[in-house]
């Protein structure tokens, strides 16, 4: 059996929702708010949407945000291999129906670990044009969408400890590859906007591809209380985790999103994060939106912490 590595295929969440209709939405969330699971643990950890405040989006393969009207962006993850591209029009229809924009993250690999190229092989094939056709096919469908679309390609490139095959390439090679792919997006989907999305660690500035190739900057911010206590000696806040990345990208003067957001921990930890993440803070004048990653992590975290479950609905757990 093939081992699928990363997030659910695009059709597993949004396309299913578009087809399943009311049956799917009946399993989705009701009104926003905090409720308690047995033992006092928070059962529903969706963030408070502050008004005024930051805009809010979600990657939501389980449909937990399907009924929520204050979600601005629907996020998708897709490899450029092993994916049913016919699900992209379904995703567009879903976004239009719910009045949402689309953030499409294209990951340049296979989600089947048995068929992944090495980092060097992937780099060579991207740079020699072997994958141009893949990006053309995806971009052509994006160009036909009715929704407003932002394309995010090969995220967290500066993190040399990352699991991604493209992470840690030399900056000039990554920039050349990024520009090549985004030139295809510009041609096939001229109305789409482009997101350059580092993780937010030192060294990211070397990977900046230039103002003409960046409409938005996306960062990744995840809070795991157990990790905080081991790595930092105490729980950290959303601000604690955002400060470094934001400080590194603010000089580019581009709108900033938290393109991937998640948090997990005890009740006090969760309550703080839930209340903080959409607050409009003066210290982050470029920050516009946060996008919640509403699924379980695929890869284990350090210190034998396993795979954190970022999903907002915690009905099958007590803490």
C-alpha atoms as a PDB file:
ATOM      1  CA  UNK A   1       0.000   0.000   0.000  1.00  0.00           C
ATOM      2  CA  UNK A   2       1.298   3.451  -0.838  1.00  0.00           C
ATOM      3  CA  UNK A   3       2.138   5.728   2.068  1.00  0.00           C
ATOM      4  CA  UNK A   4       0.547   9.148   1.634  1.00  0.00           C
ATOM      5  CA  UNK A   5       2.607  11.594   3.595  1.00  0.00           C
ATOM      6  CA  UNK A   6       1.090  15.006   3.907  1.00  0.00           C
ATOM      7  CA  UNK A   7      -2.269  16.721   4.114  1.00  0.00           C
ATOM      8  CA  UNK A   8      -5.457  15.318   2.719  1.00  0.00           C
ATOM      9  CA  UNK A   9      -5.860  15.649  -1.011  1.00  0.00           C
ATOM     10  CA  UNK A  10      -7.739  18.691  -2.134  1.00  0.00           C
ATOM     11  CA  UNK A  11     -10.779  16.578  -2.972  1.00  0.00           C
ATOM     12  CA  UNK A  12     -10.921  15.016   0.476  1.00  0.00           C
ATOM     13  CA  UNK A  13     -12.117  18.200   2.120  1.00  0.00           C
ATOM     14  CA  UNK A  14     -13.536  20.987   0.035  1.00  0.00           C
ATOM     15  CA  UNK A  15     -14.572  18.973  -2.986  1.00  0.00           C
ATOM     16  CA  UNK A  16     -16.338  16.513  -0.706  1.00  0.00           C
ATOM     17  CA  UNK A  17     -18.118  19.385   0.965  1.00  0.00           C
ATOM     18  CA  UNK A  18     -19.224  20.781  -2.361  1.00  0.00           C
ATOM     19  CA  UNK A  19     -20.709  17.450  -3.390  1.00  0.00           C
ATOM     20  CA  UNK A  20     -22.057  16.242  -0.075  1.00  0.00           C
ATOM     21  CA  UNK A  21     -23.942  19.448   0.660  1.00  0.00           C
ATOM     22  CA  UNK A  22     -26.186  19.425   3.709  1.00  0.00           C
ATOM     23  CA  UNK A  23     -25.025  16.007   4.895  1.00  0.00           C
ATOM     24  CA  UNK A  24     -21.484  17.323   5.211  1.00  0.00           C
ATOM     25  CA  UNK A  25     -22.473  20.629   6.763  1.00  0.00           C
ATOM     26  CA  UNK A  26     -24.592  18.910   9.384  1.00  0.00           C
ATOM     27  CA  UNK A  27     -21.335  17.623  10.835  1.00  0.00           C
ATOM     28  CA  UNK A  28     -19.696  21.022  10.770  1.00  0.00           C
ATOM     29  CA  UNK A  29     -19.625  23.692  13.416  1.00  0.00           C
ATOM     30  CA  UNK A  30     -22.446  25.706  14.832  1.00  0.00           C
ATOM     31  CA  UNK A  31     -21.946  29.015  16.589  1.00  0.00           C
ATOM     32  CA  UNK A  32     -18.446  29.994  17.582  1.00  0.00           C
ATOM     33  CA  UNK A  33     -17.496  29.827  21.216  1.00  0.00           C
ATOM     34  CA  UNK A  34     -15.735  27.916  23.951  1.00  0.00           C
ATOM     35  CA  UNK A  35     -17.280  24.779  25.365  1.00  0.00           C
ATOM     36  CA  UNK A  36     -15.945  22.258  27.836  1.00  0.00           C
ATOM     37  CA  UNK A  37     -15.257  18.571  27.351  1.00  0.00           C
ATOM     38  CA  UNK A  38     -15.463  16.087  30.246  1.00  0.00           C
ATOM     39  CA  UNK A  39     -12.931  16.929  32.908  1.00  0.00           C
ATOM     40  CA  UNK A  40     -13.018  20.654  32.114  1.00  0.00           C
ATOM     41  CA  UNK A  41     -10.893  20.483  28.950  1.00  0.00           C
ATOM     42  CA  UNK A  42     -11.861  22.826  26.140  1.00  0.00           C
ATOM     43  CA  UNK A  43     -13.769  20.958  23.475  1.00  0.00           C
ATOM     44  CA  UNK A  44     -14.036  23.656  20.806  1.00  0.00           C
ATOM     45  CA  UNK A  45     -10.853  25.702  20.500  1.00  0.00           C
ATOM     46  CA  UNK A  46     -11.706  27.813  17.468  1.00  0.00           C
ATOM     47  CA  UNK A  47     -10.375  31.365  17.803  1.00  0.00           C
ATOM     48  CA  UNK A  48     -12.430  34.367  18.771  1.00  0.00           C
ATOM     49  CA  UNK A  49     -12.939  36.562  15.710  1.00  0.00           C
ATOM     50  CA  UNK A  50     -12.428  40.116  16.896  1.00  0.00           C
ATOM     51  CA  UNK A  51     -14.107  43.044  15.178  1.00  0.00           C
ATOM     52  CA  UNK A  52     -12.227  45.089  14.364  1.00  0.00           C
ATOM     53  CA  UNK A  53      -9.403  42.634  14.081  1.00  0.00           C
ATOM     54  CA  UNK A  54      -7.427  40.491  11.679  1.00  0.00           C
ATOM     55  CA  UNK A  55      -9.197  38.576   8.942  1.00  0.00           C
ATOM     56  CA  UNK A  56      -9.498  34.841   9.466  1.00  0.00           C
ATOM     57  CA  UNK A  57      -9.149  31.894   7.111  1.00  0.00           C
ATOM     58  CA  UNK A  58      -8.816  28.138   7.464  1.00  0.00           C
ATOM     59  CA  UNK A  59      -7.587  24.964   5.875  1.00  0.00           C
ATOM     60  CA  UNK A  60     -10.632  22.923   6.810  1.00  0.00           C
ATOM     61  CA  UNK A  61     -10.771  19.376   5.395  1.00  0.00           C
ATOM     62  CA  UNK A  62     -13.179  18.308   8.166  1.00  0.00           C
ATOM     63  CA  UNK A  63     -15.676  21.096   7.490  1.00  0.00           C
ATOM     64  CA  UNK A  64     -15.564  22.476  11.028  1.00  0.00           C
ATOM     65  CA  UNK A  65     -15.733  26.037   9.692  1.00  0.00           C
ATOM     66  CA  UNK A  66     -18.227  25.317   6.911  1.00  0.00           C
ATOM     67  CA  UNK A  67     -21.089  27.154   8.587  1.00  0.00           C
ATOM     68  CA  UNK A  68     -19.045  30.036   9.957  1.00  0.00           C
ATOM     69  CA  UNK A  69     -19.786  33.248   8.090  1.00  0.00           C
ATOM     70  CA  UNK A  70     -16.783  35.275   9.257  1.00  0.00           C
ATOM     71  CA  UNK A  71     -14.211  33.120   7.441  1.00  0.00           C
ATOM     72  CA  UNK A  72     -12.554  35.132   4.679  1.00  0.00           C
ATOM     73  CA  UNK A  73     -10.229  32.591   3.099  1.00  0.00           C
ATOM     74  CA  UNK A  74     -10.447  28.894   2.279  1.00  0.00           C
ATOM     75  CA  UNK A  75      -6.984  27.333   2.170  1.00  0.00           C
ATOM     76  CA  UNK A  76      -5.998  24.351   0.032  1.00  0.00           C
ATOM     77  CA  UNK A  77      -2.889  22.181  -0.045  1.00  0.00           C
ATOM     78  CA  UNK A  78      -2.000  20.147  -3.099  1.00  0.00           C
ATOM     79  CA  UNK A  79       1.046  18.376  -4.494  1.00  0.00           C
ATOM     80  CA  UNK A  80       1.735  18.848  -8.152  1.00  0.00           C
ATOM     81  CA  UNK A  81       1.743  15.097  -8.597  1.00  0.00           C
ATOM     82  CA  UNK A  82      -0.775  12.471  -7.477  1.00  0.00           C
ATOM     83  CA  UNK A  83      -3.716  14.868  -7.372  1.00  0.00           C
ATOM     84  CA  UNK A  84      -7.072  14.968  -9.113  1.00  0.00           C
ATOM     85  CA  UNK A  85      -7.064  18.398 -10.721  1.00  0.00           C
ATOM     86  CA  UNK A  86     -10.793  18.166 -11.408  1.00  0.00           C
ATOM     87  CA  UNK A  87     -11.287  18.972  -7.730  1.00  0.00           C
ATOM     88  CA  UNK A  88      -9.997  22.524  -8.246  1.00  0.00           C
ATOM     89  CA  UNK A  89     -13.209  23.695  -9.961  1.00  0.00           C
ATOM     90  CA  UNK A  90     -15.170  22.126  -7.094  1.00  0.00           C
ATOM     91  CA  UNK A  91     -13.069  24.056  -4.620  1.00  0.00           C
ATOM     92  CA  UNK A  92     -13.761  27.237  -6.560  1.00  0.00           C
ATOM     93  CA  UNK A  93     -17.508  26.570  -6.474  1.00  0.00           C
ATOM     94  CA  UNK A  94     -17.350  25.954  -2.725  1.00  0.00           C
ATOM     95  CA  UNK A  95     -15.480  29.220  -2.144  1.00  0.00           C
ATOM     96  CA  UNK A  96     -17.938  31.185  -4.271  1.00  0.00           C
ATOM     97  CA  UNK A  97     -20.884  29.618  -2.440  1.00  0.00           C
ATOM     98  CA  UNK A  98     -19.421  30.643   0.923  1.00  0.00           C
ATOM     99  CA  UNK A  99     -18.138  34.047  -0.148  1.00  0.00           C
ATOM    100  CA  UNK A 100     -14.507  33.175   0.481  1.00  0.00           C
ATOM    101  CA  UNK A 101     -11.204  33.733  -1.259  1.00  0.00           C
ATOM    102  CA  UNK A 102      -8.816  30.865  -1.980  1.00  0.00           C
ATOM    103  CA  UNK A 103      -5.251  30.373  -0.784  1.00  0.00           C
ATOM    104  CA  UNK A 104      -3.760  27.555  -2.864  1.00  0.00           C
ATOM    105  CA  UNK A 105      -0.501  26.080  -1.577  1.00  0.00           C
ATOM    106  CA  UNK A 106       1.276  24.060  -4.263  1.00  0.00           C
ATOM    107  CA  UNK A 107       3.836  21.654  -2.844  1.00  0.00           C
ATOM    108  CA  UNK A 108       6.341  20.541  -5.506  1.00  0.00           C
ATOM    109  CA  UNK A 109       6.541  16.867  -4.672  1.00  0.00           C
ATOM    110  CA  UNK A 110       4.495  13.710  -4.397  1.00  0.00           C
ATOM    111  CA  UNK A 111       2.600  13.034  -1.181  1.00  0.00           C
ATOM    112  CA  UNK A 112       3.471   9.381  -1.669  1.00  0.00           C
ATOM    113  CA  UNK A 113       6.777   8.966   0.123  1.00  0.00           C
ATOM    114  CA  UNK A 114       7.697   5.985  -2.043  1.00  0.00           C
ATOM    115  CA  UNK A 115       7.807   8.169  -5.159  1.00  0.00           C
ATOM    116  CA  UNK A 116       9.529  11.295  -3.886  1.00  0.00           C
ATOM    117  CA  UNK A 117      12.640  12.618  -5.568  1.00  0.00           C
ATOM    118  CA  UNK A 118      15.663  13.543  -3.535  1.00  0.00           C
ATOM    119  CA  UNK A 119      16.197  17.213  -2.875  1.00  0.00           C
ATOM    120  CA  UNK A 120      18.867  17.410  -5.562  1.00  0.00           C
ATOM    121  CA  UNK A 121      16.782  15.549  -8.124  1.00  0.00           C
ATOM    122  CA  UNK A 122      13.799  17.806  -7.499  1.00  0.00           C
ATOM    123  CA  UNK A 123      15.878  20.933  -7.818  1.00  0.00           C
ATOM    124  CA  UNK A 124      17.419  19.787 -11.112  1.00  0.00           C
ATOM    125  CA  UNK A 125      14.059  18.865 -12.624  1.00  0.00           C
ATOM    126  CA  UNK A 126      12.406  22.117 -11.584  1.00  0.00           C
ATOM    127  CA  UNK A 127      15.252  24.197 -12.964  1.00  0.00           C
ATOM    128  CA  UNK A 128      15.502  22.299 -16.261  1.00  0.00           C
ATOM    129  CA  UNK A 129      11.789  22.686 -16.942  1.00  0.00           C
ATOM    130  CA  UNK A 130      10.730  19.089 -16.337  1.00  0.00           C
ATOM    131  CA  UNK A 131       7.902  20.272 -14.065  1.00  0.00           C
ATOM    132  CA  UNK A 132       6.765  23.256 -16.099  1.00  0.00           C
ATOM    133  CA  UNK A 133       3.858  21.218 -17.460  1.00  0.00           C
ATOM    134  CA  UNK A 134       2.636  20.384 -13.954  1.00  0.00           C
ATOM    135  CA  UNK A 135       2.596  24.038 -12.978  1.00  0.00           C
ATOM    136  CA  UNK A 136       0.963  25.042 -16.271  1.00  0.00           C
ATOM    137  CA  UNK A 137      -1.903  22.598 -15.704  1.00  0.00           C
ATOM    138  CA  UNK A 138      -2.541  23.794 -12.158  1.00  0.00           C
ATOM    139  CA  UNK A 139      -2.211  27.455 -13.115  1.00  0.00           C
ATOM    140  CA  UNK A 140      -4.514  27.088 -16.100  1.00  0.00           C
ATOM    141  CA  UNK A 141      -7.307  25.860 -13.821  1.00  0.00           C
ATOM    142  CA  UNK A 142      -6.598  28.608 -11.320  1.00  0.00           C
ATOM    143  CA  UNK A 143      -6.883  31.102 -14.151  1.00  0.00           C
ATOM    144  CA  UNK A 144     -10.419  29.902 -14.825  1.00  0.00           C
ATOM    145  CA  UNK A 145     -11.587  30.347 -11.234  1.00  0.00           C
ATOM    146  CA  UNK A 146     -14.250  32.850 -10.241  1.00  0.00           C
ATOM    147  CA  UNK A 147     -12.787  33.225  -6.759  1.00  0.00           C
ATOM    148  CA  UNK A 148      -9.995  35.588  -5.853  1.00  0.00           C
ATOM    149  CA  UNK A 149      -6.915  33.358  -5.577  1.00  0.00           C
ATOM    150  CA  UNK A 150      -3.524  33.624  -3.934  1.00  0.00           C
ATOM    151  CA  UNK A 151      -0.918  31.045  -5.005  1.00  0.00           C
ATOM    152  CA  UNK A 152       1.667  29.928  -2.446  1.00  0.00           C
ATOM    153  CA  UNK A 153       4.499  27.778  -3.821  1.00  0.00           C
ATOM    154  CA  UNK A 154       7.125  25.738  -1.939  1.00  0.00           C
ATOM    155  CA  UNK A 155       6.742  27.177   1.547  1.00  0.00           C
ATOM    156  CA  UNK A 156       9.223  27.255   4.457  1.00  0.00           C
ATOM    157  CA  UNK A 157      12.164  27.143   2.090  1.00  0.00           C
ATOM    158  CA  UNK A 158      14.705  28.632   4.490  1.00  0.00           C
ATOM    159  CA  UNK A 159      14.257  26.019   7.240  1.00  0.00           C
ATOM    160  CA  UNK A 160      17.170  23.636   6.758  1.00  0.00           C
ATOM    161  CA  UNK A 161      15.725  21.227   9.320  1.00  0.00           C
ATOM    162  CA  UNK A 162      12.442  20.984   7.441  1.00  0.00           C
ATOM    163  CA  UNK A 163      11.014  17.775   6.012  1.00  0.00           C
ATOM    164  CA  UNK A 164      10.299  19.465   2.687  1.00  0.00           C
ATOM    165  CA  UNK A 165      12.453  18.372  -0.244  1.00  0.00           C
ATOM    166  CA  UNK A 166      12.949  21.965  -1.411  1.00  0.00           C
ATOM    167  CA  UNK A 167      13.899  23.353   2.006  1.00  0.00           C
ATOM    168  CA  UNK A 168      17.514  24.336   2.366  1.00  0.00           C
ATOM    169  CA  UNK A 169      18.287  24.757  -1.326  1.00  0.00           C
ATOM    170  CA  UNK A 170      20.858  27.433  -1.965  1.00  0.00           C
ATOM    171  CA  UNK A 171      19.049  30.780  -2.138  1.00  0.00           C
ATOM    172  CA  UNK A 172      19.901  31.486  -5.772  1.00  0.00           C
ATOM    173  CA  UNK A 173      18.573  28.081  -6.852  1.00  0.00           C
ATOM    174  CA  UNK A 174      15.354  28.514  -4.893  1.00  0.00           C
ATOM    175  CA  UNK A 175      14.782  32.038  -6.200  1.00  0.00           C
ATOM    176  CA  UNK A 176      15.323  30.872  -9.782  1.00  0.00           C
ATOM    177  CA  UNK A 177      12.880  27.998  -9.273  1.00  0.00           C
ATOM    178  CA  UNK A 178      10.298  30.199  -7.520  1.00  0.00           C
ATOM    179  CA  UNK A 179      10.413  32.830 -10.268  1.00  0.00           C
ATOM    180  CA  UNK A 180      10.130  30.171 -12.949  1.00  0.00           C
ATOM    181  CA  UNK A 181       6.993  28.728 -11.351  1.00  0.00           C
ATOM    182  CA  UNK A 182       5.414  32.087 -10.603  1.00  0.00           C
ATOM    183  CA  UNK A 183       6.078  33.271 -14.160  1.00  0.00           C
ATOM    184  CA  UNK A 184       3.859  30.373 -15.226  1.00  0.00           C
ATOM    185  CA  UNK A 185       1.178  31.495 -12.766  1.00  0.00           C
ATOM    186  CA  UNK A 186       1.390  35.042 -14.121  1.00  0.00           C
ATOM    187  CA  UNK A 187       0.893  33.765 -17.664  1.00  0.00           C
ATOM    188  CA  UNK A 188      -1.903  31.278 -17.028  1.00  0.00           C
ATOM    189  CA  UNK A 189      -3.655  33.054 -14.148  1.00  0.00           C
ATOM    190  CA  UNK A 190      -2.875  36.757 -14.488  1.00  0.00           C
ATOM    191  CA  UNK A 191      -5.447  37.757 -11.874  1.00  0.00           C
ATOM    192  CA  UNK A 192      -3.976  35.506  -9.182  1.00  0.00           C
ATOM    193  CA  UNK A 193      -1.740  37.011  -6.541  1.00  0.00           C
ATOM    194  CA  UNK A 194       1.483  35.494  -5.283  1.00  0.00           C
ATOM    195  CA  UNK A 195       2.526  34.563  -1.750  1.00  0.00           C
ATOM    196  CA  UNK A 196       6.138  33.991  -0.785  1.00  0.00           C
ATOM    197  CA  UNK A 197       5.997  31.996   2.421  1.00  0.00           C
ATOM    198  CA  UNK A 198       9.084  31.431   4.571  1.00  0.00           C
ATOM    199  CA  UNK A 199       8.752  29.705   7.923  1.00  0.00           C
ATOM    200  CA  UNK A 200      10.063  32.734   9.786  1.00  0.00           C
ATOM    201  CA  UNK A 201      13.575  31.705  10.870  1.00  0.00           C
ATOM    202  CA  UNK A 202      16.923  33.472  10.364  1.00  0.00           C
ATOM    203  CA  UNK A 203      18.240  33.270   6.820  1.00  0.00           C
ATOM    204  CA  UNK A 204      14.889  33.866   5.137  1.00  0.00           C
ATOM    205  CA  UNK A 205      15.948  37.224   3.714  1.00  0.00           C
ATOM    206  CA  UNK A 206      18.382  35.462   1.368  1.00  0.00           C
ATOM    207  CA  UNK A 207      15.417  33.714  -0.263  1.00  0.00           C
ATOM    208  CA  UNK A 208      13.359  36.813  -1.054  1.00  0.00           C
ATOM    209  CA  UNK A 209      12.587  36.605  -4.793  1.00  0.00           C
ATOM    210  CA  UNK A 210      11.986  40.303  -5.420  1.00  0.00           C
ATOM    211  CA  UNK A 211       9.053  42.678  -5.192  1.00  0.00           C
ATOM    212  CA  UNK A 212       7.644  41.713  -8.595  1.00  0.00           C
ATOM    213  CA  UNK A 213       7.137  38.139  -7.393  1.00  0.00           C
ATOM    214  CA  UNK A 214       5.578  38.820  -4.005  1.00  0.00           C
ATOM    215  CA  UNK A 215       2.137  40.244  -3.311  1.00  0.00           C
ATOM    216  CA  UNK A 216       1.919  38.727   0.168  1.00  0.00           C
ATOM    217  CA  UNK A 217       4.351  37.250   2.684  1.00  0.00           C
ATOM    218  CA  UNK A 218       3.144  34.182   4.590  1.00  0.00           C
ATOM    219  CA  UNK A 219       4.564  32.907   7.880  1.00  0.00           C
ATOM    220  CA  UNK A 220       3.977  29.721   9.898  1.00  0.00           C
ATOM    221  CA  UNK A 221       3.065  30.007  13.587  1.00  0.00           C
ATOM    222  CA  UNK A 222       2.288  26.933  15.706  1.00  0.00           C
ATOM    223  CA  UNK A 223       1.983  26.823  19.470  1.00  0.00           C
ATOM    224  CA  UNK A 224       2.406  23.530  21.322  1.00  0.00           C
ATOM    225  CA  UNK A 225       2.519  23.915  25.097  1.00  0.00           C
ATOM    226  CA  UNK A 226       4.484  20.727  25.723  1.00  0.00           C
ATOM    227  CA  UNK A 227       7.153  21.836  23.241  1.00  0.00           C
ATOM    228  CA  UNK A 228       7.292  25.337  24.733  1.00  0.00           C
ATOM    229  CA  UNK A 229       7.994  23.987  28.198  1.00  0.00           C
ATOM    230  CA  UNK A 230      10.859  21.805  26.974  1.00  0.00           C
ATOM    231  CA  UNK A 231      12.413  24.133  24.409  1.00  0.00           C
ATOM    232  CA  UNK A 232      11.758  27.485  26.088  1.00  0.00           C
ATOM    233  CA  UNK A 233      11.148  26.663  29.737  1.00  0.00           C
ATOM    234  CA  UNK A 234       7.619  28.099  29.811  1.00  0.00           C
ATOM    235  CA  UNK A 235       4.477  28.388  27.675  1.00  0.00           C
ATOM    236  CA  UNK A 236       4.668  30.916  24.865  1.00  0.00           C
ATOM    237  CA  UNK A 237       2.026  33.176  23.402  1.00  0.00           C
ATOM    238  CA  UNK A 238       1.005  33.858  19.813  1.00  0.00           C
ATOM    239  CA  UNK A 239       3.019  37.069  19.975  1.00  0.00           C
ATOM    240  CA  UNK A 240       6.077  35.242  21.305  1.00  0.00           C
ATOM    241  CA  UNK A 241       5.991  32.875  18.331  1.00  0.00           C
ATOM    242  CA  UNK A 242       5.239  35.540  15.724  1.00  0.00           C
ATOM    243  CA  UNK A 243       7.759  38.191  16.738  1.00  0.00           C
ATOM    244  CA  UNK A 244      10.842  36.636  15.139  1.00  0.00           C
ATOM    245  CA  UNK A 245       9.320  35.955  11.735  1.00  0.00           C
ATOM    246  CA  UNK A 246       7.488  39.257  11.548  1.00  0.00           C
ATOM    247  CA  UNK A 247      10.637  41.135  12.486  1.00  0.00           C
ATOM    248  CA  UNK A 248      12.531  39.420   9.686  1.00  0.00           C
ATOM    249  CA  UNK A 249       9.996  40.178   6.931  1.00  0.00           C
ATOM    250  CA  UNK A 250       8.679  43.632   7.806  1.00  0.00           C
ATOM    251  CA  UNK A 251      11.444  45.342   5.839  1.00  0.00           C
ATOM    252  CA  UNK A 252       9.887  44.033   2.607  1.00  0.00           C
ATOM    253  CA  UNK A 253       6.815  46.235   3.231  1.00  0.00           C
ATOM    254  CA  UNK A 254       4.426  43.573   1.933  1.00  0.00           C
ATOM    255  CA  UNK A 255       1.131  42.522   3.512  1.00  0.00           C
ATOM    256  CA  UNK A 256       1.852  39.704   5.967  1.00  0.00           C
ATOM    257  CA  UNK A 257      -0.323  36.674   6.726  1.00  0.00           C
ATOM    258  CA  UNK A 258       0.103  33.833   9.131  1.00  0.00           C
ATOM    259  CA  UNK A 259      -0.485  31.326   6.352  1.00  0.00           C
ATOM    260  CA  UNK A 260      -0.416  28.349   8.736  1.00  0.00           C
ATOM    261  CA  UNK A 261      -1.597  28.623  12.333  1.00  0.00           C
ATOM    262  CA  UNK A 262      -2.270  26.023  14.994  1.00  0.00           C
ATOM    263  CA  UNK A 263      -2.199  25.628  18.760  1.00  0.00           C
ATOM    264  CA  UNK A 264      -2.627  22.827  21.288  1.00  0.00           C
ATOM    265  CA  UNK A 265      -2.229  22.541  25.042  1.00  0.00           C
ATOM    266  CA  UNK A 266      -4.056  22.881  28.328  1.00  0.00           C
ATOM    267  CA  UNK A 267      -7.085  25.070  28.940  1.00  0.00           C
ATOM    268  CA  UNK A 268      -5.201  28.180  30.053  1.00  0.00           C
ATOM    269  CA  UNK A 269      -2.805  27.935  27.128  1.00  0.00           C
ATOM    270  CA  UNK A 270      -5.626  27.446  24.639  1.00  0.00           C
ATOM    271  CA  UNK A 271      -7.746  30.258  26.035  1.00  0.00           C
ATOM    272  CA  UNK A 272      -4.879  32.707  25.620  1.00  0.00           C
ATOM    273  CA  UNK A 273      -4.194  31.669  22.024  1.00  0.00           C
ATOM    274  CA  UNK A 274      -7.865  31.583  21.100  1.00  0.00           C
ATOM    275  CA  UNK A 275      -8.309  35.149  22.274  1.00  0.00           C
ATOM    276  CA  UNK A 276      -5.088  36.526  20.782  1.00  0.00           C
ATOM    277  CA  UNK A 277      -4.716  35.317  17.217  1.00  0.00           C
ATOM    278  CA  UNK A 278      -7.151  37.685  15.453  1.00  0.00           C
ATOM    279  CA  UNK A 279      -6.506  40.752  17.573  1.00  0.00           C
ATOM    280  CA  UNK A 280      -5.326  43.711  15.506  1.00  0.00           C
ATOM    281  CA  UNK A 281      -2.060  44.749  17.157  1.00  0.00           C
ATOM    282  CA  UNK A 282      -0.286  48.044  16.553  1.00  0.00           C
ATOM    283  CA  UNK A 283       3.093  46.306  16.674  1.00  0.00           C
ATOM    284  CA  UNK A 284       2.203  44.335  13.512  1.00  0.00           C
ATOM    285  CA  UNK A 285       0.970  47.017  11.085  1.00  0.00           C
ATOM    286  CA  UNK A 286       1.543  44.780   8.049  1.00  0.00           C
ATOM    287  CA  UNK A 287      -0.315  41.751   9.453  1.00  0.00           C
ATOM    288  CA  UNK A 288      -3.673  41.261   7.714  1.00  0.00           C
ATOM    289  CA  UNK A 289      -4.917  37.695   8.177  1.00  0.00           C
ATOM    290  CA  UNK A 290      -4.337  34.409   9.987  1.00  0.00           C
ATOM    291  CA  UNK A 291      -5.193  31.035   8.427  1.00  0.00           C
ATOM    292  CA  UNK A 292      -5.857  28.124  10.768  1.00  0.00           C
ATOM    293  CA  UNK A 293      -4.534  24.655   9.909  1.00  0.00           C
ATOM    294  CA  UNK A 294      -7.505  22.566  11.021  1.00  0.00           C
ATOM    295  CA  UNK A 295      -6.039  19.085  10.899  1.00  0.00           C
ATOM    296  CA  UNK A 296      -3.555  16.846  12.634  1.00  0.00           C
ATOM    297  CA  UNK A 297       0.151  17.284  11.977  1.00  0.00           C
ATOM    298  CA  UNK A 298       1.599  14.617   9.706  1.00  0.00           C
ATOM    299  CA  UNK A 299       5.157  14.531  11.010  1.00  0.00           C
ATOM    300  CA  UNK A 300       6.167  14.017  14.661  1.00  0.00           C
ATOM    301  CA  UNK A 301       7.492  16.981  16.611  1.00  0.00           C
ATOM    302  CA  UNK A 302      10.804  16.889  18.498  1.00  0.00           C
ATOM    303  CA  UNK A 303      11.210  15.522  22.033  1.00  0.00           C
ATOM    304  CA  UNK A 304       8.982  12.529  21.279  1.00  0.00           C
ATOM    305  CA  UNK A 305       5.896  14.749  21.301  1.00  0.00           C
ATOM    306  CA  UNK A 306       4.253  12.882  18.464  1.00  0.00           C
ATOM    307  CA  UNK A 307       1.899  14.495  15.979  1.00  0.00           C
ATOM    308  CA  UNK A 308       0.031  17.449  17.487  1.00  0.00           C
ATOM    309  CA  UNK A 309      -3.662  17.626  16.721  1.00  0.00           C
ATOM    310  CA  UNK A 310      -4.415  21.210  15.700  1.00  0.00           C
ATOM    311  CA  UNK A 311      -8.049  20.488  14.879  1.00  0.00           C
ATOM    312  CA  UNK A 312     -10.430  22.869  16.634  1.00  0.00           C
ATOM    313  CA  UNK A 313     -13.050  20.239  17.469  1.00  0.00           C
ATOM    314  CA  UNK A 314     -11.792  18.017  20.271  1.00  0.00           C
ATOM    315  CA  UNK A 315     -14.880  15.892  20.962  1.00  0.00           C
ATOM    316  CA  UNK A 316     -12.907  12.648  20.881  1.00  0.00           C
ATOM    317  CA  UNK A 317     -10.411  13.837  23.477  1.00  0.00           C
ATOM    318  CA  UNK A 318     -10.414  15.071  27.041  1.00  0.00           C
ATOM    319  CA  UNK A 319      -7.399  17.312  26.862  1.00  0.00           C
END
